[in-house]
Amino acid sequence: MTSSPSEPYWDPFDKAIDANPYDIWRRLRNDAPLYRNDRHDFWALSRFEDVEAASRNPALFSSAHGTVLEIMAETPMLGGQMIFMDPPEHTAMRSLVSRAFTPKRMAELEPRVRECAANLLDAQSGRTSFDYVQDFAAPLPSMVISSLIGVPDGDREQVHQLIDTLFHIEPDVGMINDIAFAARIALFEYLRELVERRRHHPEDDMITDLVDAEITEPSGSHRRLTEQEATEFVLLLVGAGTETVARLLGWAGVVLDAHPSQRTALAENHSLIANAVEELLRFEAPSPVQGRWTTAPVELHGETLEIGSKLLLLTGSAGRDERKYPGADTFDIFRSFDHHVSFGYGVHFCLGAALARMEGRIGIEETLKRYPKWQVDHQRARRLHTSTVRGWTNLPISV
C-alpha cells in the first residue's frame, strides 16, 4: 500500500495536510483503510471500527515503545510513565492513580474550575477583542491542574510558564527540541520536590493521595509508588491535561463561531453544553493520532504487518467515519451517539477525561454567559501543529 500519484498521501508532519485533513482522511477510510507511508515507516488505521478494535488489544498493539511517531523505537520507553506501559504493569498503576479522579474529588474541584474560568473571562471585561486561547483556553487547565496537584499559590505562575514551554515548537524540529526538553527537566524537578514534601507533610491534594496509596503488583504484593513513579505520573497529568483542554476550548471558539445558530441554542440552554462537548471532541479531536507497536505479525485488510511495525491510530479520522456517524462531517450539538475515541479507548482511555469534560463544559458555559456571540479573526489566528496534536495556539476574537 505504497502511495502513488492517484492514491491518498497522509503525513503527520505536513502542516498543509494537518490544516485540512478531512478529505484525505475520507480517502484513507474508503480506499486505503490500512495505509502505508514508506517515507516515515509507519502504517495507519483510519476507520472507527479498526481504531477501536486496535485500542482494545494492547497485547498486540503495544504502547510501550512510544505513542508519538518521532519517539517510537525498538527499545521500550523507560521512565515509568503510565502512558508508555502495557498490562499487567499498566493495570496495577492505573488502579492506583485512578483514585486521584474519584467522583468526590471531581465534585470538590468543580467550584474551583468555575472560579478560574470566571476570573480569566472577567479580566477581559471592557475589551472589544482578546486572544481566546492565550487569555483563556490555555491558562484555564494550567490553573486547574495546579489546584488539583497542590501547587502553592506563589509557585503557580512559574509552573504555568514551564507548562507553556513544554509545548514549544521549534521550526523544522517540532516538539522534540532543547527548549521544551529543558522545561520538562525543570518541571520534573519541581514536581519531584513537591512529591517528596507531601510524603512528610501531607495535604488535601492529589499528590498526597498518590504518595499515600498502595499499589498491588501482578504478584499480589503491595507497595507504594516510588518518587520517580509518582513524579512521572503527575508530569503526564500536567502535560496531557493542560494540552487537551486548551485545544478543546480553542476548537469550541472556532467551531461555534462557524455555527452561530447552534451557539445561540447553547447560550439559551446550558443543559445542551455537555453533549456539545462530546460532539466537539468527535468533530475536532484535539489529539487525532496515537502510536502503537505490533508485538506479533498481524493481518489487517489483506496486508501482513510484521512484528515491530509502527501503527498509527487516526482517532481524528475515526470521529469523521460515516460508517459510525451518519453525516459525520456535519457539526450537530443535538447529535445522539454512544461514544467516540477522542479520549482513546480500552485500557489507555484517558484517566483525566472526566476532568477535561468538566473544564470544557464550564469553560463554554462561562464564555456564553458573557459572550453569546463572537467573531474569530482568521487572518491573525495561528495553529498549533505537532504530529499528534491539532488545534490553535492563538485565536483572536472580537466580542
Protein backbone atom coordinates (compact mmCIF):
# COMPACT_ATOMS: atom_id res chain seq x y z
CA MET A 1 0.00 0.00 0.00
CA THR A 2 2.67 2.48 -1.01
CA SER A 3 1.17 5.76 -2.27
CA SER A 4 1.14 6.56 -5.98
CA PRO A 5 0.04 9.86 -7.54
CA SER A 6 -3.53 8.54 -7.73
CA GLU A 7 -3.56 7.31 -4.14
CA PRO A 8 -4.04 9.39 -0.98
CA TYR A 9 -0.97 10.64 0.85
CA TRP A 10 -1.14 11.39 4.56
CA ASP A 11 1.80 12.67 6.58
CA PRO A 12 1.51 13.72 10.25
CA PHE A 13 4.42 16.16 9.83
CA ASP A 14 2.91 18.03 6.85
CA LYS A 15 1.41 21.34 8.03
CA ALA A 16 -0.67 21.82 4.87
CA ILE A 17 -2.27 18.40 5.28
CA ASP A 18 -2.81 18.99 9.00
CA ALA A 19 -4.65 22.25 8.34
CA ASN A 20 -7.32 20.43 6.32
CA PRO A 21 -7.03 16.64 6.65
CA TYR A 22 -10.69 15.74 6.22
CA ASP A 23 -10.76 14.85 2.50
CA ILE A 24 -7.56 12.83 2.84
CA TRP A 25 -8.91 11.03 5.89
CA ARG A 26 -12.07 10.20 3.93
CA ARG A 27 -9.98 8.80 1.07
CA LEU A 28 -7.96 6.71 3.51
CA ARG A 29 -11.12 5.29 5.05
CA ASN A 30 -12.59 4.48 1.66
CA ASP A 31 -9.55 3.48 -0.41
CA ALA A 32 -6.71 2.66 1.99
CA PRO A 33 -8.14 1.64 5.39
CA LEU A 34 -4.69 0.25 6.18
CA TYR A 35 -2.38 2.95 4.86
CA ARG A 36 1.37 2.60 4.35
CA ASN A 37 3.78 5.54 4.46
CA ASP A 38 7.27 4.43 3.36
CA ARG A 39 8.83 7.84 3.86
CA HIS A 40 8.28 7.77 7.63
CA ASP A 41 8.00 3.97 8.00
CA PHE A 42 4.54 3.58 9.51
CA TRP A 43 1.14 2.07 8.87
CA ALA A 44 -2.14 3.81 9.78
CA LEU A 45 -5.71 2.78 10.54
CA SER A 46 -8.40 5.38 9.84
CA ARG A 47 -11.80 3.70 10.25
CA PHE A 48 -13.64 3.88 13.57
CA GLU A 49 -14.10 0.11 13.82
CA ASP A 50 -10.40 -0.57 13.25
CA VAL A 51 -9.18 2.16 15.62
CA GLU A 52 -11.50 0.97 18.38
CA ALA A 53 -10.52 -2.70 17.91
CA ALA A 54 -6.79 -1.94 17.99
CA SER A 55 -7.26 0.22 21.10
CA ARG A 56 -8.89 -2.75 22.83
CA ASN A 57 -5.94 -5.05 22.12
CA PRO A 58 -2.87 -3.73 23.96
CA ALA A 59 -1.25 -7.17 23.93
CA LEU A 60 -0.92 -6.99 20.14
CA PHE A 61 -0.74 -3.21 19.73
CA SER A 62 1.66 -2.01 22.40
CA SER A 63 2.18 1.47 23.84
CA ALA A 64 5.49 0.58 25.47
CA HIS A 65 7.60 1.69 22.50
CA GLY A 66 6.13 5.19 22.47
CA THR A 67 2.84 6.68 21.29
CA VAL A 68 4.24 9.63 19.31
CA LEU A 69 5.74 8.76 15.92
CA GLU A 70 9.02 10.65 16.29
CA ILE A 71 9.94 8.93 19.56
CA MET A 72 8.81 5.38 18.70
CA ALA A 73 11.73 2.92 18.78
CA GLU A 74 12.58 -0.76 19.15
CA THR A 75 13.69 -0.25 22.75
CA PRO A 76 10.72 0.13 25.13
CA MET A 77 10.34 3.52 26.79
CA LEU A 78 11.92 3.96 30.21
CA GLY A 79 11.00 6.35 32.99
CA GLY A 80 7.80 4.87 34.39
CA GLN A 81 5.16 6.96 32.57
CA MET A 82 1.89 5.04 32.61
CA ILE A 83 1.03 6.06 29.04
CA PHE A 84 4.03 4.00 27.89
CA MET A 85 3.07 0.86 29.83
CA ASP A 86 1.12 -2.24 28.85
CA PRO A 87 -0.80 -4.62 31.14
CA PRO A 88 -0.21 -6.02 33.68
CA GLU A 89 2.08 -3.16 34.82
CA HIS A 90 -0.31 -0.60 33.37
CA THR A 91 -3.30 -2.23 35.08
CA ALA A 92 -1.71 -2.03 38.50
CA MET A 93 -0.60 1.56 38.04
CA ARG A 94 -3.94 2.71 36.64
CA SER A 95 -5.83 1.13 39.51
CA LEU A 96 -3.82 3.25 41.90
CA VAL A 97 -3.79 6.59 40.16
CA SER A 98 -7.49 6.41 39.25
CA ARG A 99 -8.12 7.12 42.93
CA ALA A 100 -6.99 10.67 42.27
CA PHE A 101 -10.00 11.14 39.97
CA THR A 102 -12.80 9.98 42.23
CA PRO A 103 -16.27 11.49 41.74
CA LYS A 104 -15.86 13.12 45.15
CA ARG A 105 -12.64 14.91 44.19
CA MET A 106 -14.09 15.96 40.83
CA ALA A 107 -17.17 17.38 42.56
CA GLU A 108 -14.98 19.25 45.02
CA LEU A 109 -12.93 20.67 42.15
CA GLU A 110 -15.88 21.98 40.10
CA PRO A 111 -16.27 25.29 42.02
CA ARG A 112 -12.54 25.93 41.53
CA VAL A 113 -12.83 25.28 37.78
CA ARG A 114 -15.72 27.74 37.57
CA GLU A 115 -13.86 30.33 39.65
CA CYS A 116 -10.78 30.09 37.41
CA ALA A 117 -12.87 30.35 34.24
CA ALA A 118 -14.84 33.32 35.56
CA ASN A 119 -11.73 35.18 36.70
CA LEU A 120 -9.98 34.73 33.35
CA LEU A 121 -13.01 35.92 31.38
CA ASP A 122 -13.82 38.78 33.75
CA ALA A 123 -10.28 40.04 33.20
CA GLN A 124 -11.29 40.68 29.56
CA SER A 125 -14.28 42.84 30.57
CA GLY A 126 -14.44 46.10 28.64
CA ARG A 127 -12.25 44.85 25.79
CA THR A 128 -13.63 44.56 22.29
CA SER A 129 -11.24 41.72 21.42
CA PHE A 130 -8.88 39.27 23.09
CA ASP A 131 -6.99 36.05 22.36
CA TYR A 132 -9.39 33.28 23.35
CA VAL A 133 -6.62 30.67 23.58
CA GLN A 134 -3.79 32.66 25.18
CA ASP A 135 -6.06 34.64 27.53
CA PHE A 136 -8.46 31.84 28.43
CA ALA A 137 -8.26 28.35 26.93
CA ALA A 138 -4.57 27.75 27.71
CA PRO A 139 -4.29 29.23 31.23
CA LEU A 140 -7.55 27.66 32.49
CA PRO A 141 -6.40 24.00 32.56
CA SER A 142 -2.99 25.02 33.86
CA MET A 143 -4.62 26.80 36.81
CA VAL A 144 -6.94 23.85 37.46
CA ILE A 145 -4.16 21.26 37.35
CA SER A 146 -2.08 23.37 39.75
CA SER A 147 -5.00 23.36 42.18
CA LEU A 148 -5.55 19.63 41.77
CA ILE A 149 -1.97 18.61 42.47
CA GLY A 150 -1.44 21.17 45.23
CA VAL A 151 0.98 23.71 43.74
CA PRO A 152 1.31 26.59 46.27
CA ASP A 153 -0.21 29.89 45.12
CA GLY A 154 3.18 31.57 44.99
CA ASP A 155 4.56 28.95 42.57
CA ARG A 156 1.65 28.77 40.13
CA GLU A 157 2.89 31.39 37.67
CA GLN A 158 6.28 29.67 37.50
CA VAL A 159 4.59 26.31 36.91
CA HIS A 160 2.29 27.84 34.29
CA GLN A 161 5.29 29.20 32.37
CA LEU A 162 7.03 25.82 32.47
CA ILE A 163 3.88 24.08 31.23
CA ASP A 164 3.62 26.53 28.33
CA THR A 165 7.25 25.90 27.42
CA LEU A 166 6.71 22.12 27.39
CA PHE A 167 4.83 22.69 24.14
CA HIS A 168 7.42 24.92 22.47
CA ILE A 169 7.59 24.10 18.77
CA GLU A 170 10.93 24.52 17.01
CA PRO A 171 10.81 25.12 13.23
CA ASP A 172 11.90 22.01 11.28
CA VAL A 173 12.33 20.12 14.56
CA GLY A 174 8.87 20.04 16.11
CA MET A 175 8.17 19.45 19.78
CA ILE A 176 11.32 17.39 20.46
CA ASN A 177 13.72 20.29 20.98
CA ASP A 178 16.15 21.65 23.56
CA ILE A 179 13.84 24.40 24.88
CA ALA A 180 10.93 22.03 25.51
CA PHE A 181 13.29 19.41 26.96
CA ALA A 182 14.82 21.92 29.40
CA ALA A 183 11.33 22.91 30.56
CA ARG A 184 10.44 19.26 31.10
CA ILE A 185 13.53 18.73 33.26
CA ALA A 186 12.82 21.86 35.31
CA LEU A 187 9.15 20.92 35.79
CA PHE A 188 10.09 17.35 36.70
CA GLU A 189 12.48 18.58 39.38
CA TYR A 190 9.88 20.97 40.79
CA LEU A 191 7.25 18.21 40.93
CA ARG A 192 9.73 15.72 42.41
CA GLU A 193 10.40 18.12 45.28
CA LEU A 194 6.65 18.60 45.75
CA VAL A 195 6.13 14.82 45.89
CA GLU A 196 8.87 14.49 48.50
CA ARG A 197 7.35 17.33 50.53
CA ARG A 198 3.95 15.61 50.58
CA ARG A 199 5.48 12.39 51.91
CA HIS A 200 6.44 14.28 55.07
CA HIS A 201 3.75 16.99 55.09
CA PRO A 202 0.50 15.63 53.58
CA GLU A 203 -2.25 17.98 52.42
CA ASP A 204 -5.67 17.58 50.81
CA ASP A 205 -4.46 17.26 47.21
CA MET A 206 -3.88 14.66 44.52
CA ILE A 207 -0.16 14.25 45.14
CA THR A 208 -0.86 13.31 48.75
CA ASP A 209 -3.41 10.76 47.52
CA LEU A 210 -0.76 9.25 45.24
CA VAL A 211 2.06 9.01 47.76
CA ASP A 212 -0.23 7.57 50.46
CA ALA A 213 -1.91 4.89 48.34
CA GLU A 214 -0.62 1.34 47.85
CA ILE A 215 -0.21 -0.38 44.50
CA THR A 216 -0.98 -4.08 44.05
CA GLU A 217 1.68 -5.80 41.97
CA PRO A 218 0.80 -8.61 39.49
CA SER A 219 2.35 -10.99 42.04
CA GLY A 220 -0.17 -9.87 44.66
CA SER A 221 2.32 -7.98 46.81
CA HIS A 222 1.70 -4.38 47.84
CA ARG A 223 3.89 -1.30 47.70
CA ARG A 224 3.71 2.46 47.37
CA LEU A 225 4.73 4.44 44.31
CA THR A 226 8.36 5.39 44.14
CA GLU A 227 9.25 9.07 43.99
CA GLN A 228 10.08 8.62 40.29
CA GLU A 229 6.76 6.91 39.50
CA ALA A 230 4.66 9.50 41.35
CA THR A 231 6.52 12.38 39.71
CA GLU A 232 6.25 10.85 36.23
CA PHE A 233 2.50 10.42 36.66
CA VAL A 234 1.99 14.00 37.82
CA LEU A 235 4.12 15.25 34.92
CA LEU A 236 2.00 13.21 32.50
CA LEU A 237 -1.18 14.63 34.00
CA VAL A 238 0.13 18.18 33.79
CA GLY A 239 1.19 17.81 30.16
CA ALA A 240 -1.72 15.83 28.78
CA GLY A 241 -4.36 17.51 30.94
CA THR A 242 -3.46 21.05 30.01
CA GLU A 243 -2.83 20.46 26.32
CA THR A 244 -6.02 18.56 25.55
CA VAL A 245 -8.33 21.05 27.27
CA ALA A 246 -6.62 24.07 25.71
CA ARG A 247 -7.13 22.60 22.23
CA LEU A 248 -10.72 21.54 23.02
CA LEU A 249 -11.68 25.07 24.09
CA GLY A 250 -9.82 26.57 21.14
CA TRP A 251 -11.84 24.39 18.78
CA ALA A 252 -15.00 25.45 20.62
CA GLY A 253 -14.15 29.05 19.79
CA VAL A 254 -13.72 28.27 16.09
CA VAL A 255 -16.50 25.74 15.56
CA LEU A 256 -19.22 27.56 17.50
CA ASP A 257 -18.45 30.79 15.63
CA ALA A 258 -18.86 28.84 12.38
CA HIS A 259 -22.26 27.56 13.60
CA PRO A 260 -23.95 30.64 15.12
CA SER A 261 -27.43 29.13 15.41
CA GLN A 262 -26.08 26.25 17.49
CA ARG A 263 -24.06 28.70 19.59
CA THR A 264 -27.27 30.62 20.26
CA ALA A 265 -29.02 27.41 21.28
CA LEU A 266 -26.25 26.69 23.79
CA ALA A 267 -26.34 30.25 25.15
CA GLU A 268 -30.09 29.92 25.71
CA ASN A 269 -29.97 26.40 27.18
CA HIS A 270 -26.82 25.47 29.09
CA SER A 271 -28.07 21.91 29.61
CA LEU A 272 -27.09 21.24 25.98
CA ILE A 273 -23.42 22.04 26.58
CA ALA A 274 -22.37 18.63 27.91
CA ASN A 275 -23.47 16.92 24.70
CA ALA A 276 -21.93 19.74 22.66
CA VAL A 277 -18.57 18.96 24.30
CA GLU A 278 -18.84 15.33 23.15
CA GLU A 279 -19.71 16.47 19.64
CA LEU A 280 -16.74 18.85 19.62
CA LEU A 281 -14.43 16.03 20.70
CA ARG A 282 -15.76 13.82 17.91
CA PHE A 283 -15.75 16.55 15.28
CA GLU A 284 -12.29 18.02 16.04
CA ALA A 285 -10.25 15.60 18.14
CA PRO A 286 -7.55 17.59 19.99
CA SER A 287 -5.19 14.60 19.74
CA PRO A 288 -6.05 12.86 16.46
CA VAL A 289 -3.10 10.43 16.22
CA GLN A 290 -2.00 7.69 18.65
CA GLY A 291 1.00 5.44 18.01
CA ARG A 292 1.21 1.70 18.67
CA TRP A 293 3.86 -1.02 18.13
CA THR A 294 2.97 -4.51 16.92
CA THR A 295 4.17 -7.29 19.22
CA ALA A 296 3.44 -10.10 16.72
CA PRO A 297 2.69 -10.39 12.99
CA VAL A 298 -0.89 -9.32 12.29
CA GLU A 299 -3.05 -9.29 9.15
CA LEU A 300 -5.17 -6.22 8.52
CA HIS A 301 -7.13 -5.52 5.33
CA GLY A 302 -5.19 -8.16 3.39
CA GLU A 303 -1.74 -6.91 4.44
CA THR A 304 0.58 -8.52 6.97
CA LEU A 305 2.28 -6.22 9.44
CA GLU A 306 5.49 -7.74 10.77
CA ILE A 307 6.38 -7.77 14.45
CA GLY A 308 7.83 -4.39 15.43
CA SER A 309 5.77 -2.33 12.97
CA LYS A 310 4.74 1.23 13.77
CA LEU A 311 0.97 1.64 13.57
CA LEU A 312 -0.80 4.97 13.94
CA LEU A 313 -4.43 5.03 15.07
CA LEU A 314 -6.12 8.04 13.48
CA THR A 315 -8.68 8.87 16.14
CA GLY A 316 -9.41 12.16 14.37
CA SER A 317 -10.39 10.28 11.23
CA ALA A 318 -12.38 7.74 13.25
CA GLY A 319 -14.53 10.60 14.57
CA ARG A 320 -15.39 11.53 10.97
CA ASP A 321 -16.20 7.96 9.86
CA GLU A 322 -19.59 7.90 8.10
CA ARG A 323 -19.87 4.19 8.90
CA LYS A 324 -20.20 5.10 12.58
CA TYR A 325 -21.63 8.62 12.46
CA PRO A 326 -24.16 9.45 9.71
CA GLY A 327 -23.42 12.92 8.36
CA ALA A 328 -20.07 12.78 10.13
CA ASP A 329 -18.75 16.00 8.56
CA THR A 330 -21.70 17.95 9.95
CA PHE A 331 -21.32 19.50 13.40
CA ASP A 332 -24.52 18.94 15.39
CA ILE A 333 -24.83 19.66 19.12
CA PHE A 334 -28.08 17.63 19.10
CA ARG A 335 -26.40 14.52 17.70
CA SER A 336 -27.17 11.33 19.61
CA PHE A 337 -24.31 8.80 19.71
CA ASP A 338 -22.98 6.26 22.15
CA HIS A 339 -19.26 7.10 22.25
CA HIS A 340 -16.18 8.35 20.41
CA VAL A 341 -12.47 7.52 20.58
CA SER A 342 -11.07 11.02 21.01
CA PHE A 343 -10.01 10.17 24.59
CA GLY A 344 -8.65 6.85 23.43
CA TYR A 345 -10.38 3.57 24.19
CA GLY A 346 -9.77 0.44 26.21
CA VAL A 347 -7.08 0.28 28.89
CA HIS A 348 -5.50 3.55 27.75
CA PHE A 349 -8.73 5.55 27.90
CA CYS A 350 -7.73 8.98 29.22
CA LEU A 351 -7.70 8.98 33.02
CA GLY A 352 -8.43 12.70 33.08
CA ALA A 353 -11.41 12.52 30.71
CA ALA A 354 -13.92 13.46 33.42
CA LEU A 355 -11.84 16.50 34.36
CA ALA A 356 -11.38 17.53 30.71
CA ARG A 357 -15.12 17.23 30.09
CA MET A 358 -15.85 19.33 33.17
CA GLU A 359 -13.40 22.04 32.13
CA GLY A 360 -14.80 22.06 28.59
CA ARG A 361 -18.39 22.29 29.81
CA ILE A 362 -17.73 25.02 32.35
CA GLY A 363 -15.39 26.92 30.03
CA ILE A 364 -18.02 27.08 27.28
CA GLU A 365 -20.80 27.90 29.74
CA GLU A 366 -18.91 30.79 31.36
CA THR A 367 -17.92 32.10 27.92
CA LEU A 368 -21.51 32.09 26.68
CA LYS A 369 -22.73 33.83 29.85
CA ARG A 370 -20.57 36.82 28.94
CA TYR A 371 -20.28 36.50 25.16
CA PRO A 372 -23.25 34.87 23.42
CA LYS A 373 -21.65 36.00 20.16
CA TRP A 374 -18.08 36.47 18.96
CA GLN A 375 -16.17 36.55 15.70
CA VAL A 376 -12.86 34.80 15.07
CA ASP A 377 -10.16 36.85 13.34
CA HIS A 378 -8.95 34.12 11.00
CA GLN A 379 -6.31 36.39 9.47
CA ARG A 380 -4.44 36.56 12.79
CA ALA A 381 -5.34 33.13 14.19
CA ARG A 382 -2.39 30.76 14.41
CA ARG A 383 -2.45 26.98 14.53
CA LEU A 384 -0.51 24.67 16.77
CA HIS A 385 0.99 21.81 14.75
CA THR A 386 2.61 18.64 16.05
CA SER A 387 2.46 15.05 14.82
CA THR A 388 -0.11 14.18 17.48
CA VAL A 389 -2.00 17.40 18.40
CA ARG A 390 -4.26 19.67 16.32
CA GLY A 391 -5.62 22.99 17.45
CA TRP A 392 -4.92 26.68 17.88
CA THR A 393 -2.16 28.48 19.72
CA ASN A 394 -3.59 31.96 19.03
CA LEU A 395 -7.26 32.69 18.46
CA PRO A 396 -8.09 36.42 18.39
CA ILE A 397 -11.82 37.06 18.71
CA SER A 398 -13.98 40.19 18.55
CA VAL A 399 -16.79 40.35 21.12
